[in-house]
Amino acid sequence: MGFIYNQKEPDLHSMADAVLAAAAKYDLESLKVMYERALFRVPSVENAAHNLFLADLYSEEQL
């Protein structure tokens, strides 16, 4: 919620699923971009399948 009012970046790593869900629900494009950048900073074999699942779930073409 803080992002909507003050554009403060949330802790994307600990709340990734919830952040992407909120960004999709409220059509917050700048939050989606922050999320995508955070994912690309720390790609790993362990989180690749989960990230693809989230990308498909929320129709994120950039992921």
PDB file of N, CA and C in Angstrom:
ATOM      1  N   MET A   1       0.815  -1.197   0.000  1.00  0.00           N
ATOM      2  CA  MET A   1       0.000   0.000   0.000  1.00  0.00           C
ATOM      3  C   MET A   1       0.853   1.254   0.000  1.00  0.00           C
ATOM      4  N   GLY A   2       1.976   1.199   0.677  1.00  0.00           N
ATOM      5  CA  GLY A   2       2.835   2.376   0.744  1.00  0.00           C
ATOM      6  C   GLY A   2       3.276   2.850  -0.624  1.00  0.00           C
ATOM      7  N   PHE A   3       3.454   1.926  -1.543  1.00  0.00           N
ATOM      8  CA  PHE A   3       3.897   2.291  -2.882  1.00  0.00           C
ATOM      9  C   PHE A   3       2.870   3.171  -3.587  1.00  0.00           C
ATOM     10  N   ILE A   4       1.602   2.875  -3.413  1.00  0.00           N
ATOM     11  CA  ILE A   4       0.548   3.631  -4.092  1.00  0.00           C
ATOM     12  C   ILE A   4       0.584   5.101  -3.678  1.00  0.00           C
ATOM     13  N   TYR A   5       0.853   5.362  -2.414  1.00  0.00           N
ATOM     14  CA  TYR A   5       0.795   6.736  -1.920  1.00  0.00           C
ATOM     15  C   TYR A   5       2.106   7.502  -2.014  1.00  0.00           C
ATOM     16  N   ASN A   6       3.244   6.811  -1.870  1.00  0.00           N
ATOM     17  CA  ASN A   6       4.507   7.548  -1.855  1.00  0.00           C
ATOM     18  C   ASN A   6       5.571   7.000  -2.797  1.00  0.00           C
ATOM     19  N   GLN A   7       5.243   6.026  -3.620  1.00  0.00           N
ATOM     20  CA  GLN A   7       6.173   5.442  -4.586  1.00  0.00           C
ATOM     21  C   GLN A   7       7.424   4.858  -3.934  1.00  0.00           C
ATOM     22  N   LYS A   8       7.342   4.496  -2.643  1.00  0.00           N
ATOM     23  CA  LYS A   8       8.463   3.889  -1.949  1.00  0.00           C
ATOM     24  C   LYS A   8       8.552   2.423  -2.335  1.00  0.00           C
ATOM     25  N   GLU A   9       9.740   1.995  -2.749  1.00  0.00           N
ATOM     26  CA  GLU A   9       9.926   0.624  -3.215  1.00  0.00           C
ATOM     27  C   GLU A   9       9.799  -0.366  -2.061  1.00  0.00           C
ATOM     28  N   PRO A  10       8.915  -1.355  -2.206  1.00  0.00           N
ATOM     29  CA  PRO A  10       8.778  -2.373  -1.153  1.00  0.00           C
ATOM     30  C   PRO A  10       9.945  -3.351  -1.191  1.00  0.00           C
ATOM     31  N   ASP A  11      10.058  -4.168  -0.158  1.00  0.00           N
ATOM     32  CA  ASP A  11      11.076  -5.214  -0.128  1.00  0.00           C
ATOM     33  C   ASP A  11      10.643  -6.316  -1.095  1.00  0.00           C
ATOM     34  N   LEU A  12      11.128  -6.240  -2.318  1.00  0.00           N
ATOM     35  CA  LEU A  12      10.649  -7.108  -3.384  1.00  0.00           C
ATOM     36  C   LEU A  12      11.031  -8.567  -3.196  1.00  0.00           C
ATOM     37  N   HIS A  13      12.123  -8.829  -2.517  1.00  0.00           N
ATOM     38  CA  HIS A  13      12.566 -10.215  -2.401  1.00  0.00           C
ATOM     39  C   HIS A  13      11.732 -11.009  -1.397  1.00  0.00           C
ATOM     40  N   SER A  14      11.342 -10.387  -0.317  1.00  0.00           N
ATOM     41  CA  SER A  14      10.591 -11.134   0.688  1.00  0.00           C
ATOM     42  C   SER A  14       9.094 -11.188   0.391  1.00  0.00           C
ATOM     43  N   MET A  15       8.608 -10.278  -0.480  1.00  0.00           N
ATOM     44  CA  MET A  15       7.176 -10.208  -0.766  1.00  0.00           C
ATOM     45  C   MET A  15       6.883 -10.302  -2.260  1.00  0.00           C
ATOM     46  N   ALA A  16       7.712 -10.989  -2.993  1.00  0.00           N
ATOM     47  CA  ALA A  16       7.630 -10.969  -4.457  1.00  0.00           C
ATOM     48  C   ALA A  16       6.260 -11.340  -5.000  1.00  0.00           C
ATOM     49  N   ASP A  17       5.672 -12.406  -4.520  1.00  0.00           N
ATOM     50  CA  ASP A  17       4.374 -12.840  -5.034  1.00  0.00           C
ATOM     51  C   ASP A  17       3.293 -11.799  -4.769  1.00  0.00           C
ATOM     52  N   ALA A  18       3.263 -11.283  -3.550  1.00  0.00           N
ATOM     53  CA  ALA A  18       2.247 -10.293  -3.180  1.00  0.00           C
ATOM     54  C   ALA A  18       2.442  -8.988  -3.937  1.00  0.00           C
ATOM     55  N   VAL A  19       3.694  -8.596  -4.147  1.00  0.00           N
ATOM     56  CA  VAL A  19       3.979  -7.355  -4.864  1.00  0.00           C
ATOM     57  C   VAL A  19       3.508  -7.464  -6.314  1.00  0.00           C
ATOM     58  N   LEU A  20       3.806  -8.562  -6.961  1.00  0.00           N
ATOM     59  CA  LEU A  20       3.382  -8.716  -8.349  1.00  0.00           C
ATOM     60  C   LEU A  20       1.861  -8.805  -8.447  1.00  0.00           C
ATOM     61  N   ALA A  21       1.227  -9.467  -7.510  1.00  0.00           N
ATOM     62  CA  ALA A  21      -0.236  -9.561  -7.506  1.00  0.00           C
ATOM     63  C   ALA A  21      -0.859  -8.178  -7.361  1.00  0.00           C
ATOM     64  N   ALA A  22      -0.338  -7.368  -6.458  1.00  0.00           N
ATOM     65  CA  ALA A  22      -0.868  -6.014  -6.262  1.00  0.00           C
ATOM     66  C   ALA A  22      -0.617  -5.150  -7.492  1.00  0.00           C
ATOM     67  N   ALA A  23       0.560  -5.271  -8.080  1.00  0.00           N
ATOM     68  CA  ALA A  23       0.884  -4.488  -9.277  1.00  0.00           C
ATOM     69  C   ALA A  23      -0.059  -4.840 -10.421  1.00  0.00           C
ATOM     70  N   ALA A  24      -0.368  -6.112 -10.559  1.00  0.00           N
ATOM     71  CA  ALA A  24      -1.283  -6.544 -11.619  1.00  0.00           C
ATOM     72  C   ALA A  24      -2.709  -6.092 -11.318  1.00  0.00           C
ATOM     73  N   LYS A  25      -3.127  -6.245 -10.076  1.00  0.00           N
ATOM     74  CA  LYS A  25      -4.508  -5.906  -9.699  1.00  0.00           C
ATOM     75  C   LYS A  25      -4.803  -4.418  -9.866  1.00  0.00           C
ATOM     76  N   TYR A  26      -3.857  -3.576  -9.458  1.00  0.00           N
ATOM     77  CA  TYR A  26      -4.077  -2.131  -9.490  1.00  0.00           C
ATOM     78  C   TYR A  26      -3.430  -1.460 -10.702  1.00  0.00           C
ATOM     79  N   ASP A  27      -2.916  -2.275 -11.622  1.00  0.00           N
ATOM     80  CA  ASP A  27      -2.296  -1.778 -12.858  1.00  0.00           C
ATOM     81  C   ASP A  27      -1.211  -0.733 -12.574  1.00  0.00           C
ATOM     82  N   LEU A  28      -0.276  -1.111 -11.708  1.00  0.00           N
ATOM     83  CA  LEU A  28       0.835  -0.237 -11.324  1.00  0.00           C
ATOM     84  C   LEU A  28       2.062  -0.604 -12.157  1.00  0.00           C
ATOM     85  N   GLU A  29       2.163  -0.008 -13.309  1.00  0.00           N
ATOM     86  CA  GLU A  29       3.221  -0.362 -14.252  1.00  0.00           C
ATOM     87  C   GLU A  29       4.611  -0.128 -13.669  1.00  0.00           C
ATOM     88  N   SER A  30       4.812   0.968 -12.950  1.00  0.00           N
ATOM     89  CA  SER A  30       6.141   1.242 -12.390  1.00  0.00           C
ATOM     90  C   SER A  30       6.533   0.198 -11.343  1.00  0.00           C
ATOM     91  N   LEU A  31       5.572  -0.323 -10.606  1.00  0.00           N
ATOM     92  CA  LEU A  31       5.866  -1.382  -9.632  1.00  0.00           C
ATOM     93  C   LEU A  31       6.214  -2.681 -10.350  1.00  0.00           C
ATOM     94  N   LYS A  32       5.542  -2.964 -11.442  1.00  0.00           N
ATOM     95  CA  LYS A  32       5.870  -4.150 -12.242  1.00  0.00           C
ATOM     96  C   LYS A  32       7.301  -4.062 -12.754  1.00  0.00           C
ATOM     97  N   VAL A  33       7.700  -2.874 -13.217  1.00  0.00           N
ATOM     98  CA  VAL A  33       9.059  -2.687 -13.737  1.00  0.00           C
ATOM     99  C   VAL A  33      10.081  -2.902 -12.619  1.00  0.00           C
ATOM    100  N   MET A  34       9.817  -2.371 -11.416  1.00  0.00           N
ATOM    101  CA  MET A  34      10.721  -2.582 -10.279  1.00  0.00           C
ATOM    102  C   MET A  34      10.854  -4.068  -9.970  1.00  0.00           C
ATOM    103  N   TYR A  35       9.736  -4.761  -9.994  1.00  0.00           N
ATOM    104  CA  TYR A  35       9.733  -6.190  -9.719  1.00  0.00           C
ATOM    105  C   TYR A  35      10.575  -6.934 -10.753  1.00  0.00           C
ATOM    106  N   GLU A  36      10.385  -6.603 -12.019  1.00  0.00           N
ATOM    107  CA  GLU A  36      11.144  -7.263 -13.083  1.00  0.00           C
ATOM    108  C   GLU A  36      12.638  -7.016 -12.924  1.00  0.00           C
ATOM    109  N   ARG A  37      13.022  -5.784 -12.620  1.00  0.00           N
ATOM    110  CA  ARG A  37      14.442  -5.471 -12.418  1.00  0.00           C
ATOM    111  C   ARG A  37      15.014  -6.263 -11.254  1.00  0.00           C
ATOM    112  N   ALA A  38      14.256  -6.384 -10.178  1.00  0.00           N
ATOM    113  CA  ALA A  38      14.725  -7.137  -9.010  1.00  0.00           C
ATOM    114  C   ALA A  38      14.939  -8.603  -9.365  1.00  0.00           C
ATOM    115  N   LEU A  39      14.053  -9.160 -10.171  1.00  0.00           N
ATOM    116  CA  LEU A  39      14.198 -10.562 -10.570  1.00  0.00           C
ATOM    117  C   LEU A  39      15.427 -10.773 -11.444  1.00  0.00           C
ATOM    118  N   PHE A  40      15.678  -9.851 -12.348  1.00  0.00           N
ATOM    119  CA  PHE A  40      16.817 -10.004 -13.243  1.00  0.00           C
ATOM    120  C   PHE A  40      18.141  -9.770 -12.542  1.00  0.00           C
ATOM    121  N   ARG A  41      18.129  -9.077 -11.404  1.00  0.00           N
ATOM    122  CA  ARG A  41      19.361  -8.856 -10.651  1.00  0.00           C
ATOM    123  C   ARG A  41      19.853 -10.133  -9.993  1.00  0.00           C
ATOM    124  N   VAL A  42      18.933 -10.992  -9.595  1.00  0.00           N
ATOM    125  CA  VAL A  42      19.296 -12.197  -8.858  1.00  0.00           C
ATOM    126  C   VAL A  42      18.677 -13.438  -9.502  1.00  0.00           C
ATOM    127  N   PRO A  43      18.993 -13.698 -10.778  1.00  0.00           N
ATOM    128  CA  PRO A  43      18.429 -14.908 -11.391  1.00  0.00           C
ATOM    129  C   PRO A  43      19.146 -16.145 -10.855  1.00  0.00           C
ATOM    130  N   SER A  44      18.394 -17.205 -10.690  1.00  0.00           N
ATOM    131  CA  SER A  44      19.007 -18.449 -10.237  1.00  0.00           C
ATOM    132  C   SER A  44      18.195 -19.623 -10.764  1.00  0.00           C
ATOM    133  N   VAL A  45      18.812 -20.765 -10.753  1.00  0.00           N
ATOM    134  CA  VAL A  45      18.133 -21.983 -11.186  1.00  0.00           C
ATOM    135  C   VAL A  45      16.970 -22.278 -10.246  1.00  0.00           C
ATOM    136  N   GLU A  46      17.162 -22.005  -8.957  1.00  0.00           N
ATOM    137  CA  GLU A  46      16.143 -22.309  -7.961  1.00  0.00           C
ATOM    138  C   GLU A  46      14.866 -21.498  -8.151  1.00  0.00           C
ATOM    139  N   ASN A  47      14.989 -20.214  -8.543  1.00  0.00           N
ATOM    140  CA  ASN A  47      13.785 -19.400  -8.645  1.00  0.00           C
ATOM    141  C   ASN A  47      13.258 -19.248 -10.071  1.00  0.00           C
ATOM    142  N   ALA A  48      13.914 -19.834 -11.038  1.00  0.00           N
ATOM    143  CA  ALA A  48      13.505 -19.675 -12.435  1.00  0.00           C
ATOM    144  C   ALA A  48      12.106 -20.234 -12.696  1.00  0.00           C
ATOM    145  N   ALA A  49      11.819 -21.426 -12.214  1.00  0.00           N
ATOM    146  CA  ALA A  49      10.503 -22.028 -12.445  1.00  0.00           C
ATOM    147  C   ALA A  49       9.402 -21.217 -11.763  1.00  0.00           C
ATOM    148  N   HIS A  50       9.652 -20.769 -10.562  1.00  0.00           N
ATOM    149  CA  HIS A  50       8.659 -19.967  -9.844  1.00  0.00           C
ATOM    150  C   HIS A  50       8.416 -18.636 -10.556  1.00  0.00           C
ATOM    151  N   ASN A  51       9.489 -18.012 -11.031  1.00  0.00           N
ATOM    152  CA  ASN A  51       9.349 -16.744 -11.749  1.00  0.00           C
ATOM    153  C   ASN A  51       8.571 -16.928 -13.042  1.00  0.00           C
ATOM    154  N   LEU A  52       8.793 -18.024 -13.741  1.00  0.00           N
ATOM    155  CA  LEU A  52       8.023 -18.300 -14.952  1.00  0.00           C
ATOM    156  C   LEU A  52       6.553 -18.532 -14.627  1.00  0.00           C
ATOM    157  N   PHE A  53       6.284 -19.208 -13.525  1.00  0.00           N
ATOM    158  CA  PHE A  53       4.908 -19.417 -13.082  1.00  0.00           C
ATOM    159  C   PHE A  53       4.214 -18.076 -12.822  1.00  0.00           C
ATOM    160  N   LEU A  54       4.896 -17.171 -12.094  1.00  0.00           N
ATOM    161  CA  LEU A  54       4.314 -15.864 -11.806  1.00  0.00           C
ATOM    162  C   LEU A  54       4.112 -15.055 -13.080  1.00  0.00           C
ATOM    163  N   ALA A  55       5.061 -15.120 -13.980  1.00  0.00           N
ATOM    164  CA  ALA A  55       4.948 -14.390 -15.244  1.00  0.00           C
ATOM    165  C   ALA A  55       3.732 -14.864 -16.024  1.00  0.00           C
ATOM    166  N   ASP A  56       3.506 -16.151 -16.038  1.00  0.00           N
ATOM    167  CA  ASP A  56       2.350 -16.689 -16.747  1.00  0.00           C
ATOM    168  C   ASP A  56       1.048 -16.341 -16.019  1.00  0.00           C
ATOM    169  N   LEU A  57       1.046 -16.449 -14.721  1.00  0.00           N
ATOM    170  CA  LEU A  57      -0.141 -16.172 -13.924  1.00  0.00           C
ATOM    171  C   LEU A  57      -0.633 -14.737 -14.104  1.00  0.00           C
ATOM    172  N   TYR A  58       0.316 -13.798 -14.157  1.00  0.00           N
ATOM    173  CA  TYR A  58      -0.052 -12.377 -14.261  1.00  0.00           C
ATOM    174  C   TYR A  58       0.170 -11.809 -15.660  1.00  0.00           C
ATOM    175  N   SER A  59       0.367 -12.684 -16.650  1.00  0.00           N
ATOM    176  CA  SER A  59       0.546 -12.280 -18.052  1.00  0.00           C
ATOM    177  C   SER A  59       1.623 -11.221 -18.223  1.00  0.00           C
ATOM    178  N   GLU A  60       2.763 -11.454 -17.587  1.00  0.00           N
ATOM    179  CA  GLU A  60       3.891 -10.542 -17.697  1.00  0.00           C
ATOM    180  C   GLU A  60       4.798 -10.991 -18.839  1.00  0.00           C
ATOM    181  N   GLU A  61       4.789 -10.269 -19.915  1.00  0.00           N
ATOM    182  CA  GLU A  61       5.561 -10.657 -21.091  1.00  0.00           C
ATOM    183  C   GLU A  61       7.050 -10.404 -20.927  1.00  0.00           C
ATOM    184  N   GLN A  62       7.438  -9.445 -20.101  1.00  0.00           N
ATOM    185  CA  GLN A  62       8.851  -9.118 -19.937  1.00  0.00           C
ATOM    186  C   GLN A  62       9.610 -10.172 -19.147  1.00  0.00           C
ATOM    187  N   LEU A  63       8.904 -10.919 -18.309  1.00  0.00           N
ATOM    188  CA  LEU A  63       9.574 -11.937 -17.508  1.00  0.00           C
ATOM    189  C   LEU A  63       9.800 -13.163 -18.339  1.00  0.00           C
TER     190      LEU A  63
END
